[in-house]
Amino acid sequence: MRTKTFWMETLERAVKTLAQSLIAAIGAGAAVPVWELGWAEILGIALTATALSVLTSIASAGTGAPGTPSMVMPAVTAEDGLVQGAQAAELAGIPTANPADPLHETSAEYQGQHRAGE
């Protein structure tokens, strides 16, 4: 919460919430001409939603990705350069094929080997 990234992302969320709230409140009065809308009430609703957005971001700090107001951890993808599971084992030279797997015999590494009883 003490990083520039946190506050920039919080500001982005707050501005989006302000815009969405204004549009929703104006849309709710669609039957009334724009110049007759209660702008004080509309701004009050939008600013309340914006304050709630900022408070939600502060409350979310530390629950997701470090240094961000997100409650969600970013997904790890292959593009991140991280290798996990069977792919990591194969790269380390650890065989991962299951001998009971019917596809086992199609692997070039295991051709010529047969299971007992065949």
N, C-alpha and C. Protein backbone atom coordinates (compact mmCIF):
# COMPACT_ATOMS: atom_id res chain seq x y z
N MET A 1 0.82 -1.18 0.00
CA MET A 1 0.00 0.00 0.00
C MET A 1 0.87 1.26 0.00
N ARG A 2 2.11 1.09 0.21
CA ARG A 2 3.02 2.24 0.27
C ARG A 2 3.81 2.43 -1.02
N THR A 3 3.31 1.89 -2.11
CA THR A 3 4.03 2.00 -3.37
C THR A 3 3.27 2.92 -4.33
N LYS A 4 4.02 3.47 -5.26
CA LYS A 4 3.41 4.32 -6.28
C LYS A 4 2.46 3.50 -7.15
N THR A 5 2.84 2.25 -7.43
CA THR A 5 2.00 1.37 -8.24
C THR A 5 0.63 1.19 -7.59
N PHE A 6 0.62 0.95 -6.29
CA PHE A 6 -0.64 0.76 -5.57
C PHE A 6 -1.56 1.96 -5.77
N TRP A 7 -1.03 3.16 -5.54
CA TRP A 7 -1.86 4.35 -5.62
C TRP A 7 -2.25 4.69 -7.05
N MET A 8 -1.41 4.38 -8.02
CA MET A 8 -1.78 4.62 -9.42
C MET A 8 -2.92 3.68 -9.83
N GLU A 9 -2.83 2.42 -9.41
CA GLU A 9 -3.90 1.47 -9.74
C GLU A 9 -5.18 1.81 -8.99
N THR A 10 -5.05 2.28 -7.75
CA THR A 10 -6.22 2.71 -6.98
C THR A 10 -6.88 3.90 -7.65
N LEU A 11 -6.07 4.87 -8.11
CA LEU A 11 -6.61 6.04 -8.81
C LEU A 11 -7.33 5.62 -10.09
N GLU A 12 -6.73 4.70 -10.83
CA GLU A 12 -7.36 4.22 -12.06
C GLU A 12 -8.73 3.62 -11.75
N ARG A 13 -8.80 2.79 -10.72
CA ARG A 13 -10.07 2.16 -10.35
C ARG A 13 -11.09 3.20 -9.91
N ALA A 14 -10.63 4.21 -9.16
CA ALA A 14 -11.53 5.25 -8.67
C ALA A 14 -12.10 6.07 -9.82
N VAL A 15 -11.27 6.43 -10.79
CA VAL A 15 -11.73 7.22 -11.95
C VAL A 15 -12.74 6.40 -12.76
N LYS A 16 -12.45 5.12 -12.96
CA LYS A 16 -13.39 4.26 -13.69
C LYS A 16 -14.72 4.16 -12.95
N THR A 17 -14.67 4.01 -11.64
CA THR A 17 -15.88 3.92 -10.85
C THR A 17 -16.68 5.22 -10.92
N LEU A 18 -15.98 6.36 -10.86
CA LEU A 18 -16.65 7.66 -10.98
C LEU A 18 -17.38 7.76 -12.32
N ALA A 19 -16.69 7.42 -13.39
CA ALA A 19 -17.30 7.50 -14.73
C ALA A 19 -18.49 6.55 -14.85
N GLN A 20 -18.34 5.32 -14.37
CA GLN A 20 -19.43 4.35 -14.46
C GLN A 20 -20.64 4.81 -13.64
N SER A 21 -20.39 5.36 -12.46
CA SER A 21 -21.48 5.82 -11.60
C SER A 21 -22.21 7.00 -12.21
N LEU A 22 -21.46 7.93 -12.79
CA LEU A 22 -22.09 9.08 -13.45
C LEU A 22 -22.98 8.62 -14.61
N ILE A 23 -22.45 7.72 -15.42
CA ILE A 23 -23.21 7.22 -16.57
C ILE A 23 -24.46 6.48 -16.10
N ALA A 24 -24.32 5.67 -15.06
CA ALA A 24 -25.47 4.92 -14.54
C ALA A 24 -26.53 5.87 -13.98
N ALA A 25 -26.09 6.88 -13.22
CA ALA A 25 -27.05 7.81 -12.63
C ALA A 25 -27.73 8.66 -13.69
N ILE A 26 -26.99 9.09 -14.70
CA ILE A 26 -27.59 9.87 -15.79
C ILE A 26 -28.56 8.98 -16.57
N GLY A 27 -28.16 7.74 -16.80
CA GLY A 27 -29.02 6.80 -17.52
C GLY A 27 -30.30 6.49 -16.77
N ALA A 28 -30.24 6.52 -15.44
CA ALA A 28 -31.43 6.25 -14.65
C ALA A 28 -32.49 7.33 -14.85
N GLY A 29 -32.06 8.52 -15.19
CA GLY A 29 -33.00 9.61 -15.44
C GLY A 29 -33.18 9.86 -16.92
N ALA A 30 -33.10 8.83 -17.72
CA ALA A 30 -33.13 8.97 -19.18
C ALA A 30 -34.42 9.61 -19.69
N ALA A 31 -35.50 9.49 -18.95
CA ALA A 31 -36.77 10.06 -19.41
C ALA A 31 -36.82 11.57 -19.18
N VAL A 32 -35.84 12.08 -18.44
CA VAL A 32 -35.80 13.51 -18.11
C VAL A 32 -34.69 14.16 -18.93
N PRO A 33 -34.92 15.33 -19.46
CA PRO A 33 -33.84 16.02 -20.19
C PRO A 33 -32.63 16.25 -19.28
N VAL A 34 -31.43 16.19 -19.85
CA VAL A 34 -30.19 16.28 -19.09
C VAL A 34 -30.14 17.56 -18.25
N TRP A 35 -30.61 18.67 -18.79
CA TRP A 35 -30.53 19.94 -18.05
C TRP A 35 -31.47 19.99 -16.85
N GLU A 36 -32.40 19.02 -16.75
CA GLU A 36 -33.32 18.99 -15.63
C GLU A 36 -32.92 17.96 -14.56
N LEU A 37 -31.83 17.28 -14.77
CA LEU A 37 -31.39 16.26 -13.81
C LEU A 37 -30.91 16.93 -12.53
N GLY A 38 -31.02 16.21 -11.42
CA GLY A 38 -30.51 16.70 -10.14
C GLY A 38 -29.02 16.42 -10.06
N TRP A 39 -28.20 17.35 -10.58
CA TRP A 39 -26.76 17.12 -10.68
C TRP A 39 -26.10 16.95 -9.32
N ALA A 40 -26.60 17.61 -8.31
CA ALA A 40 -26.02 17.47 -6.97
C ALA A 40 -26.19 16.03 -6.47
N GLU A 41 -27.37 15.46 -6.71
CA GLU A 41 -27.62 14.08 -6.30
C GLU A 41 -26.78 13.09 -7.12
N ILE A 42 -26.69 13.35 -8.43
CA ILE A 42 -25.91 12.47 -9.30
C ILE A 42 -24.44 12.48 -8.89
N LEU A 43 -23.89 13.67 -8.66
CA LEU A 43 -22.49 13.76 -8.22
C LEU A 43 -22.30 13.12 -6.84
N GLY A 44 -23.28 13.28 -5.98
CA GLY A 44 -23.20 12.67 -4.65
C GLY A 44 -23.13 11.15 -4.74
N ILE A 45 -23.95 10.58 -5.59
CA ILE A 45 -23.93 9.12 -5.79
C ILE A 45 -22.59 8.68 -6.37
N ALA A 46 -22.12 9.39 -7.40
CA ALA A 46 -20.86 9.02 -8.05
C ALA A 46 -19.67 9.17 -7.11
N LEU A 47 -19.64 10.23 -6.33
CA LEU A 47 -18.52 10.43 -5.40
C LEU A 47 -18.55 9.42 -4.26
N THR A 48 -19.74 9.03 -3.82
CA THR A 48 -19.84 7.98 -2.80
C THR A 48 -19.30 6.66 -3.34
N ALA A 49 -19.67 6.31 -4.56
CA ALA A 49 -19.17 5.09 -5.18
C ALA A 49 -17.65 5.15 -5.35
N THR A 50 -17.13 6.31 -5.69
CA THR A 50 -15.69 6.48 -5.86
C THR A 50 -14.96 6.31 -4.53
N ALA A 51 -15.51 6.88 -3.46
CA ALA A 51 -14.91 6.71 -2.13
C ALA A 51 -14.93 5.24 -1.72
N LEU A 52 -16.01 4.54 -2.02
CA LEU A 52 -16.08 3.11 -1.71
C LEU A 52 -15.04 2.32 -2.51
N SER A 53 -14.80 2.73 -3.75
CA SER A 53 -13.78 2.08 -4.56
C SER A 53 -12.40 2.22 -3.93
N VAL A 54 -12.08 3.43 -3.48
CA VAL A 54 -10.77 3.67 -2.84
C VAL A 54 -10.66 2.86 -1.55
N LEU A 55 -11.72 2.84 -0.74
CA LEU A 55 -11.70 2.07 0.51
C LEU A 55 -11.57 0.57 0.24
N THR A 56 -12.22 0.10 -0.81
CA THR A 56 -12.09 -1.32 -1.18
C THR A 56 -10.67 -1.64 -1.60
N SER A 57 -10.03 -0.75 -2.33
CA SER A 57 -8.64 -0.96 -2.73
C SER A 57 -7.73 -1.02 -1.52
N ILE A 58 -7.96 -0.13 -0.56
CA ILE A 58 -7.14 -0.13 0.67
C ILE A 58 -7.38 -1.42 1.46
N ALA A 59 -8.63 -1.84 1.55
CA ALA A 59 -8.95 -3.07 2.28
C ALA A 59 -8.37 -4.30 1.59
N SER A 60 -8.20 -4.24 0.27
CA SER A 60 -7.67 -5.37 -0.49
C SER A 60 -6.15 -5.47 -0.46
N ALA A 61 -5.49 -4.44 0.01
CA ALA A 61 -4.02 -4.42 0.02
C ALA A 61 -3.49 -5.62 0.79
N GLY A 62 -2.56 -6.31 0.19
CA GLY A 62 -1.92 -7.44 0.84
C GLY A 62 -2.62 -8.77 0.65
N THR A 63 -3.78 -8.78 -0.02
CA THR A 63 -4.47 -10.04 -0.20
C THR A 63 -4.16 -10.69 -1.55
N GLY A 64 -3.77 -9.90 -2.52
CA GLY A 64 -3.47 -10.42 -3.84
C GLY A 64 -2.00 -10.21 -4.17
N ALA A 65 -1.76 -9.75 -5.37
CA ALA A 65 -0.39 -9.49 -5.80
C ALA A 65 0.21 -8.38 -4.93
N PRO A 66 1.42 -8.57 -4.45
CA PRO A 66 2.04 -7.56 -3.58
C PRO A 66 2.16 -6.21 -4.27
N GLY A 67 1.85 -5.13 -3.52
CA GLY A 67 2.01 -3.78 -4.04
C GLY A 67 0.89 -3.32 -4.94
N THR A 68 -0.22 -4.09 -5.00
CA THR A 68 -1.35 -3.70 -5.83
C THR A 68 -2.63 -3.75 -5.01
N PRO A 69 -3.68 -3.06 -5.47
CA PRO A 69 -4.96 -3.12 -4.76
C PRO A 69 -5.81 -4.32 -5.18
N SER A 70 -5.25 -5.23 -5.94
CA SER A 70 -5.99 -6.37 -6.44
C SER A 70 -6.09 -7.48 -5.39
N MET A 71 -7.22 -8.16 -5.36
CA MET A 71 -7.39 -9.30 -4.47
C MET A 71 -7.03 -10.60 -5.19
N VAL A 72 -6.65 -10.50 -6.44
CA VAL A 72 -6.38 -11.67 -7.27
C VAL A 72 -4.88 -11.78 -7.53
N MET A 73 -4.36 -12.99 -7.37
CA MET A 73 -2.96 -13.24 -7.72
C MET A 73 -2.88 -13.40 -9.23
N PRO A 74 -1.88 -12.83 -9.86
CA PRO A 74 -1.77 -13.00 -11.32
C PRO A 74 -1.49 -14.45 -11.68
N ALA A 75 -2.05 -14.87 -12.79
CA ALA A 75 -1.84 -16.23 -13.26
C ALA A 75 -0.41 -16.39 -13.77
N VAL A 76 0.18 -17.52 -13.50
CA VAL A 76 1.52 -17.81 -13.99
C VAL A 76 1.36 -18.50 -15.34
N THR A 77 1.99 -17.94 -16.35
CA THR A 77 1.89 -18.50 -17.69
C THR A 77 3.25 -18.95 -18.17
N ALA A 78 3.25 -19.71 -19.25
CA ALA A 78 4.50 -20.20 -19.82
C ALA A 78 5.38 -19.03 -20.27
N GLU A 79 4.75 -17.92 -20.66
CA GLU A 79 5.52 -16.76 -21.11
C GLU A 79 6.32 -16.14 -19.97
N ASP A 80 5.94 -16.43 -18.71
CA ASP A 80 6.65 -15.88 -17.57
C ASP A 80 8.02 -16.52 -17.38
N GLY A 81 8.29 -17.58 -18.11
CA GLY A 81 9.58 -18.25 -17.97
C GLY A 81 9.59 -19.26 -16.83
N LEU A 82 8.48 -19.44 -16.17
CA LEU A 82 8.41 -20.42 -15.10
C LEU A 82 7.93 -21.75 -15.65
N VAL A 83 8.55 -22.81 -15.23
CA VAL A 83 8.18 -24.14 -15.69
C VAL A 83 7.76 -24.93 -14.47
N GLN A 84 6.61 -25.59 -14.55
CA GLN A 84 6.10 -26.32 -13.41
C GLN A 84 5.70 -27.74 -13.79
N GLY A 85 5.54 -28.57 -12.77
CA GLY A 85 4.97 -29.90 -12.94
C GLY A 85 5.78 -30.81 -13.83
N ALA A 86 5.06 -31.55 -14.68
CA ALA A 86 5.68 -32.54 -15.54
C ALA A 86 6.69 -31.92 -16.50
N GLN A 87 6.40 -30.71 -16.95
CA GLN A 87 7.32 -30.03 -17.87
C GLN A 87 8.66 -29.78 -17.17
N ALA A 88 8.63 -29.39 -15.91
CA ALA A 88 9.87 -29.16 -15.16
C ALA A 88 10.62 -30.47 -14.96
N ALA A 89 9.88 -31.54 -14.68
CA ALA A 89 10.52 -32.84 -14.48
C ALA A 89 11.19 -33.31 -15.77
N GLU A 90 10.50 -33.13 -16.89
CA GLU A 90 11.08 -33.56 -18.17
C GLU A 90 12.35 -32.75 -18.49
N LEU A 91 12.33 -31.47 -18.21
CA LEU A 91 13.51 -30.66 -18.46
C LEU A 91 14.67 -31.07 -17.55
N ALA A 92 14.34 -31.57 -16.37
CA ALA A 92 15.38 -32.02 -15.43
C ALA A 92 15.86 -33.42 -15.75
N GLY A 93 15.26 -34.07 -16.76
CA GLY A 93 15.67 -35.42 -17.14
C GLY A 93 15.00 -36.51 -16.33
N ILE A 94 13.97 -36.18 -15.61
CA ILE A 94 13.24 -37.17 -14.81
C ILE A 94 12.12 -37.74 -15.67
N PRO A 95 12.10 -39.05 -15.90
CA PRO A 95 11.03 -39.63 -16.72
C PRO A 95 9.67 -39.45 -16.04
N THR A 96 8.69 -39.06 -16.81
CA THR A 96 7.37 -38.82 -16.24
C THR A 96 6.32 -39.75 -16.81
N ALA A 97 6.68 -40.62 -17.75
CA ALA A 97 5.70 -41.51 -18.36
C ALA A 97 5.25 -42.55 -17.36
N ASN A 98 3.98 -42.86 -17.41
CA ASN A 98 3.39 -43.88 -16.57
C ASN A 98 3.42 -45.20 -17.34
N PRO A 99 4.12 -46.23 -16.84
CA PRO A 99 4.20 -47.50 -17.57
C PRO A 99 2.84 -48.14 -17.82
N ALA A 100 1.83 -47.82 -17.02
CA ALA A 100 0.50 -48.39 -17.22
C ALA A 100 -0.30 -47.61 -18.26
N ASP A 101 0.23 -46.50 -18.73
CA ASP A 101 -0.44 -45.67 -19.71
C ASP A 101 -0.36 -46.34 -21.08
N PRO A 102 -1.49 -46.50 -21.78
CA PRO A 102 -1.45 -47.13 -23.12
C PRO A 102 -0.59 -46.35 -24.11
N LEU A 103 -0.40 -45.07 -23.90
CA LEU A 103 0.43 -44.28 -24.80
C LEU A 103 1.91 -44.49 -24.51
N HIS A 104 2.21 -45.19 -23.45
CA HIS A 104 3.59 -45.41 -23.02
C HIS A 104 4.43 -46.03 -24.13
N GLU A 105 3.89 -47.00 -24.83
CA GLU A 105 4.66 -47.70 -25.86
C GLU A 105 4.86 -46.87 -27.12
N THR A 106 4.09 -45.81 -27.27
CA THR A 106 4.27 -45.00 -28.47
C THR A 106 5.41 -44.01 -28.32
N SER A 107 5.92 -43.86 -27.12
CA SER A 107 7.01 -42.93 -26.90
C SER A 107 8.30 -43.50 -27.48
N ALA A 108 9.06 -42.68 -28.18
CA ALA A 108 10.32 -43.12 -28.78
C ALA A 108 11.29 -43.59 -27.70
N GLU A 109 11.18 -43.01 -26.51
CA GLU A 109 12.08 -43.36 -25.41
C GLU A 109 11.86 -44.80 -24.96
N TYR A 110 10.63 -45.30 -25.11
CA TYR A 110 10.30 -46.62 -24.58
C TYR A 110 10.03 -47.66 -25.66
N GLN A 111 10.26 -47.34 -26.93
CA GLN A 111 10.00 -48.32 -27.99
C GLN A 111 10.89 -49.53 -27.79
N GLY A 112 10.33 -50.67 -28.07
CA GLY A 112 11.08 -51.91 -27.90
C GLY A 112 10.84 -52.55 -26.54
N GLN A 113 10.33 -51.82 -25.59
CA GLN A 113 10.00 -52.39 -24.29
C GLN A 113 8.54 -52.86 -24.33
N HIS A 114 8.27 -53.97 -23.67
CA HIS A 114 6.92 -54.49 -23.64
C HIS A 114 6.54 -54.75 -22.19
N ARG A 115 5.26 -54.62 -21.93
CA ARG A 115 4.78 -54.91 -20.60
C ARG A 115 4.68 -56.42 -20.41
N ALA A 116 4.80 -56.84 -19.19
CA ALA A 116 4.71 -58.26 -18.89
C ALA A 116 3.34 -58.79 -19.29
N GLY A 117 3.30 -59.99 -19.85
CA GLY A 117 2.05 -60.62 -20.22
C GLY A 117 1.59 -60.31 -21.62
N GLU A 118 2.36 -59.58 -22.37
CA GLU A 118 1.92 -59.25 -23.75
C GLU A 118 2.73 -60.03 -24.74
